[in-house]
Structure formats: C-alpha cells, structure tokens
C-alpha cells in the first residue's frame, strides 16, 4: 500500500500528495488517488495541473491523469510565481515605508514637545 506523508490544500477537488518515496501525485476529495507519480506537481487549475516527469519535462494532465494540451504552461507558472513574489515584496516595502513615516512623525511630535518645553522654561525665567 502506498503511503503518503503530506497532503496539500484542495484545488479543483484535488490536493497535491507527497509519497514516502519522495515523488508526488494527487488525491481527490473522496480519497481516490490518481495512479501516476511525478517528480514535482503544481495545483490543479481549471481542470488541469502541471506535472514534472522523470525526464524533467513539464506537461499538463487532466483530473483523470491523461496528458492534455493547455494554455497553462510552465512559463505561465513561473510568471504567476514572480507576480506573487513581486506583490509580496511591494507589500513589504509599503509596510516598511509606513513604519518609517510613523517613526518620523513620532520624532517630530517629540521635537515639538521639546520646543514647547524650552519656550515655557524661557518664559518662566
């Protein structure tokens, strides 16, 4: 009996599965495993998934495990991952910029408070 050591999230009714032999496959919501194993797999999207064969070639399969033609290619996958990485980096830059602005504002208020105290001290003397 094949043993799997990790199951991913479900997309289009299938989740990525990592088997104890290090290869990957898919399991359906109802527990049915697709019969083939691959070197690497990506999630199903619109009824097909990218899988990496032993030869190193990436191909698309459908939910039956059959090879299919698709507009979703390995290049598309890389572009999507790069977009996600860019969004994450931009989000980090924005968060850091907001924090820098908050720090600057705090310093300005501290400066204004110190100027007010100095003026009060001068008028009292």
C-alpha atoms as a PDB file:
ATOM      1  CA  UNK A   1       0.000   0.000   0.000  1.00  0.00           C
ATOM      2  CA  UNK A   2       1.312   3.414  -0.953  1.00  0.00           C
ATOM      3  CA  UNK A   3       1.901   5.747   1.935  1.00  0.00           C
ATOM      4  CA  UNK A   4       1.819   9.495   1.641  1.00  0.00           C
ATOM      5  CA  UNK A   5       3.498  11.796   4.098  1.00  0.00           C
ATOM      6  CA  UNK A   6       1.929  15.142   3.220  1.00  0.00           C
ATOM      7  CA  UNK A   7      -1.281  16.414   1.652  1.00  0.00           C
ATOM      8  CA  UNK A   8      -1.699  19.982   0.382  1.00  0.00           C
ATOM      9  CA  UNK A   9      -4.781  22.135   0.018  1.00  0.00           C
ATOM     10  CA  UNK A  10      -7.503  21.118  -2.436  1.00  0.00           C
ATOM     11  CA  UNK A  11      -7.864  22.870  -5.800  1.00  0.00           C
ATOM     12  CA  UNK A  12     -10.461  21.748  -8.331  1.00  0.00           C
ATOM     13  CA  UNK A  13     -11.220  18.849  -5.986  1.00  0.00           C
ATOM     14  CA  UNK A  14      -7.632  17.514  -5.878  1.00  0.00           C
ATOM     15  CA  UNK A  15      -4.758  18.024  -3.459  1.00  0.00           C
ATOM     16  CA  UNK A  16      -1.043  17.526  -4.004  1.00  0.00           C
ATOM     17  CA  UNK A  17       0.308  14.479  -2.189  1.00  0.00           C
ATOM     18  CA  UNK A  18       3.903  13.687  -1.300  1.00  0.00           C
ATOM     19  CA  UNK A  19       4.584   9.969  -1.050  1.00  0.00           C
ATOM     20  CA  UNK A  20       7.121   8.316   1.223  1.00  0.00           C
ATOM     21  CA  UNK A  21       9.314   7.583  -1.828  1.00  0.00           C
ATOM     22  CA  UNK A  22       9.714  11.364  -2.390  1.00  0.00           C
ATOM     23  CA  UNK A  23       7.558  11.553  -5.505  1.00  0.00           C
ATOM     24  CA  UNK A  24       4.275  13.435  -5.850  1.00  0.00           C
ATOM     25  CA  UNK A  25       0.750  12.792  -7.026  1.00  0.00           C
ATOM     26  CA  UNK A  26      -2.824  13.857  -6.380  1.00  0.00           C
ATOM     27  CA  UNK A  27      -5.674  12.740  -4.176  1.00  0.00           C
ATOM     28  CA  UNK A  28      -9.352  13.538  -4.776  1.00  0.00           C
ATOM     29  CA  UNK A  29     -11.613  14.945  -2.048  1.00  0.00           C
ATOM     30  CA  UNK A  30     -13.167  11.493  -1.730  1.00  0.00           C
ATOM     31  CA  UNK A  31      -9.801   9.795  -1.188  1.00  0.00           C
ATOM     32  CA  UNK A  32      -9.159   8.412  -4.679  1.00  0.00           C
ATOM     33  CA  UNK A  33      -5.502   8.676  -5.730  1.00  0.00           C
ATOM     34  CA  UNK A  34      -4.562   9.433  -9.323  1.00  0.00           C
ATOM     35  CA  UNK A  35      -2.447   6.451 -10.381  1.00  0.00           C
ATOM     36  CA  UNK A  36       0.768   8.133 -11.557  1.00  0.00           C
ATOM     37  CA  UNK A  37       3.572   9.708  -9.549  1.00  0.00           C
ATOM     38  CA  UNK A  38       5.704  12.642 -10.640  1.00  0.00           C
ATOM     39  CA  UNK A  39       8.956  14.360  -9.723  1.00  0.00           C
ATOM     40  CA  UNK A  40       7.084  17.590  -8.963  1.00  0.00           C
ATOM     41  CA  UNK A  41       3.496  18.799  -9.267  1.00  0.00           C
ATOM     42  CA  UNK A  42       1.573  22.050  -9.205  1.00  0.00           C
ATOM     43  CA  UNK A  43      -2.036  22.508  -8.097  1.00  0.00           C
ATOM     44  CA  UNK A  44      -4.935  21.834 -10.416  1.00  0.00           C
ATOM     45  CA  UNK A  45      -6.314  24.933 -12.083  1.00  0.00           C
ATOM     46  CA  UNK A  46      -9.315  24.912 -14.411  1.00  0.00           C
ATOM     47  CA  UNK A  47      -9.221  21.133 -14.708  1.00  0.00           C
ATOM     48  CA  UNK A  48      -5.526  20.623 -15.431  1.00  0.00           C
ATOM     49  CA  UNK A  49      -2.274  20.537 -13.494  1.00  0.00           C
ATOM     50  CA  UNK A  50       1.362  20.893 -14.419  1.00  0.00           C
ATOM     51  CA  UNK A  51       3.485  17.870 -13.527  1.00  0.00           C
ATOM     52  CA  UNK A  52       7.185  17.219 -13.958  1.00  0.00           C
ATOM     53  CA  UNK A  53       8.068  13.861 -15.482  1.00  0.00           C
ATOM     54  CA  UNK A  54      11.201  11.816 -14.711  1.00  0.00           C
ATOM     55  CA  UNK A  55      12.682  13.213 -17.942  1.00  0.00           C
ATOM     56  CA  UNK A  56      12.497  16.727 -16.472  1.00  0.00           C
ATOM     57  CA  UNK A  57       9.776  17.760 -18.916  1.00  0.00           C
ATOM     58  CA  UNK A  58       6.725  19.627 -17.618  1.00  0.00           C
ATOM     59  CA  UNK A  59       3.349  18.548 -19.040  1.00  0.00           C
ATOM     60  CA  UNK A  60      -0.327  19.141 -18.257  1.00  0.00           C
ATOM     61  CA  UNK A  61      -2.631  16.398 -17.031  1.00  0.00           C
ATOM     62  CA  UNK A  62      -6.374  16.400 -16.530  1.00  0.00           C
ATOM     63  CA  UNK A  63      -8.237  15.049 -13.497  1.00  0.00           C
ATOM     64  CA  UNK A  64      -8.037  11.527 -14.996  1.00  0.00           C
ATOM     65  CA  UNK A  65      -4.254  11.763 -15.204  1.00  0.00           C
ATOM     66  CA  UNK A  66      -4.278  11.965 -19.016  1.00  0.00           C
ATOM     67  CA  UNK A  67      -1.881  14.297 -20.821  1.00  0.00           C
ATOM     68  CA  UNK A  68      -3.723  17.321 -22.217  1.00  0.00           C
ATOM     69  CA  UNK A  69      -2.942  20.480 -24.142  1.00  0.00           C
ATOM     70  CA  UNK A  70      -3.387  23.641 -22.151  1.00  0.00           C
ATOM     71  CA  UNK A  71      -2.555  27.316 -22.295  1.00  0.00           C
ATOM     72  CA  UNK A  72      -1.248  26.923 -18.756  1.00  0.00           C
ATOM     73  CA  UNK A  73       2.445  26.202 -19.222  1.00  0.00           C
ATOM     74  CA  UNK A  74       5.495  26.086 -17.002  1.00  0.00           C
ATOM     75  CA  UNK A  75       6.347  29.629 -18.186  1.00  0.00           C
ATOM     76  CA  UNK A  76       2.874  30.759 -17.070  1.00  0.00           C
ATOM     77  CA  UNK A  77       3.503  29.174 -13.699  1.00  0.00           C
ATOM     78  CA  UNK A  78       6.835  30.992 -13.340  1.00  0.00           C
ATOM     79  CA  UNK A  79       5.200  34.288 -14.311  1.00  0.00           C
ATOM     80  CA  UNK A  80       2.470  33.782 -11.701  1.00  0.00           C
ATOM     81  CA  UNK A  81       5.026  32.960  -9.015  1.00  0.00           C
ATOM     82  CA  UNK A  82       7.080  36.028  -9.940  1.00  0.00           C
ATOM     83  CA  UNK A  83       3.961  38.227  -9.769  1.00  0.00           C
ATOM     84  CA  UNK A  84       3.162  36.827  -6.327  1.00  0.00           C
ATOM     85  CA  UNK A  85       6.746  37.429  -5.182  1.00  0.00           C
ATOM     86  CA  UNK A  86       6.630  40.980  -6.532  1.00  0.00           C
ATOM     87  CA  UNK A  87       3.332  41.622  -4.743  1.00  0.00           C
ATOM     88  CA  UNK A  88       4.847  40.316  -1.515  1.00  0.00           C
ATOM     89  CA  UNK A  89       7.977  42.481  -1.915  1.00  0.00           C
ATOM     90  CA  UNK A  90       5.869  45.553  -2.699  1.00  0.00           C
ATOM     91  CA  UNK A  91       3.724  44.862   0.346  1.00  0.00           C
ATOM     92  CA  UNK A  92       6.884  44.668   2.483  1.00  0.00           C
ATOM     93  CA  UNK A  93       8.203  47.944   1.032  1.00  0.00           C
ATOM     94  CA  UNK A  94       4.889  49.668   1.760  1.00  0.00           C
ATOM     95  CA  UNK A  95       4.792  48.299   5.314  1.00  0.00           C
ATOM     96  CA  UNK A  96       8.366  49.448   5.927  1.00  0.00           C
ATOM     97  CA  UNK A  97       7.615  52.881   4.448  1.00  0.00           C
ATOM     98  CA  UNK A  98       4.565  53.282   6.679  1.00  0.00           C
ATOM     99  CA  UNK A  99       6.624  52.287   9.708  1.00  0.00           C
ATOM    100  CA  UNK A 100       9.354  54.772   8.717  1.00  0.00           C
ATOM    101  CA  UNK A 101       6.742  57.522   8.342  1.00  0.00           C
ATOM    102  CA  UNK A 102       5.233  56.681  11.740  1.00  0.00           C
ATOM    103  CA  UNK A 103       8.691  56.795  13.325  1.00  0.00           C
ATOM    104  CA  UNK A 104       9.350  60.177  11.667  1.00  0.00           C
ATOM    105  CA  UNK A 105       6.005  61.550  12.886  1.00  0.00           C
ATOM    106  CA  UNK A 106       6.754  60.355  16.436  1.00  0.00           C
ATOM    107  CA  UNK A 107      10.133  62.098  16.309  1.00  0.00           C
ATOM    108  CA  UNK A 108       8.512  65.295  15.037  1.00  0.00           C
ATOM    109  CA  UNK A 109       5.998  65.279  17.894  1.00  0.00           C
ATOM    110  CA  UNK A 110       8.836  64.672  20.347  1.00  0.00           C
ATOM    111  CA  UNK A 111      10.711  67.626  18.828  1.00  0.00           C
ATOM    112  CA  UNK A 112       7.622  69.872  19.003  1.00  0.00           C
ATOM    113  CA  UNK A 113       7.115  68.885  22.652  1.00  0.00           C
ATOM    114  CA  UNK A 114      10.742  69.705  23.451  1.00  0.00           C
ATOM    115  CA  UNK A 115      10.469  73.104  21.717  1.00  0.00           C
ATOM    116  CA  UNK A 116       7.305  73.885  23.705  1.00  0.00           C
ATOM    117  CA  UNK A 117       9.043  72.914  26.966  1.00  0.00           C
ATOM    118  CA  UNK A 118      12.032  75.103  26.112  1.00  0.00           C
ATOM    119  CA  UNK A 119       9.739  78.073  25.404  1.00  0.00           C
ATOM    120  CA  UNK A 120       7.887  77.521  28.670  1.00  0.00           C
ATOM    121  CA  UNK A 121      11.147  77.336  30.565  1.00  0.00           C
ATOM    122  CA  UNK A 122      12.389  80.578  28.936  1.00  0.00           C
ATOM    123  CA  UNK A 123       9.168  82.446  29.724  1.00  0.00           C
ATOM    124  CA  UNK A 124       9.238  81.256  33.332  1.00  0.00           C
ATOM    125  CA  UNK A 125      12.808  82.502  33.786  1.00  0.00           C
END
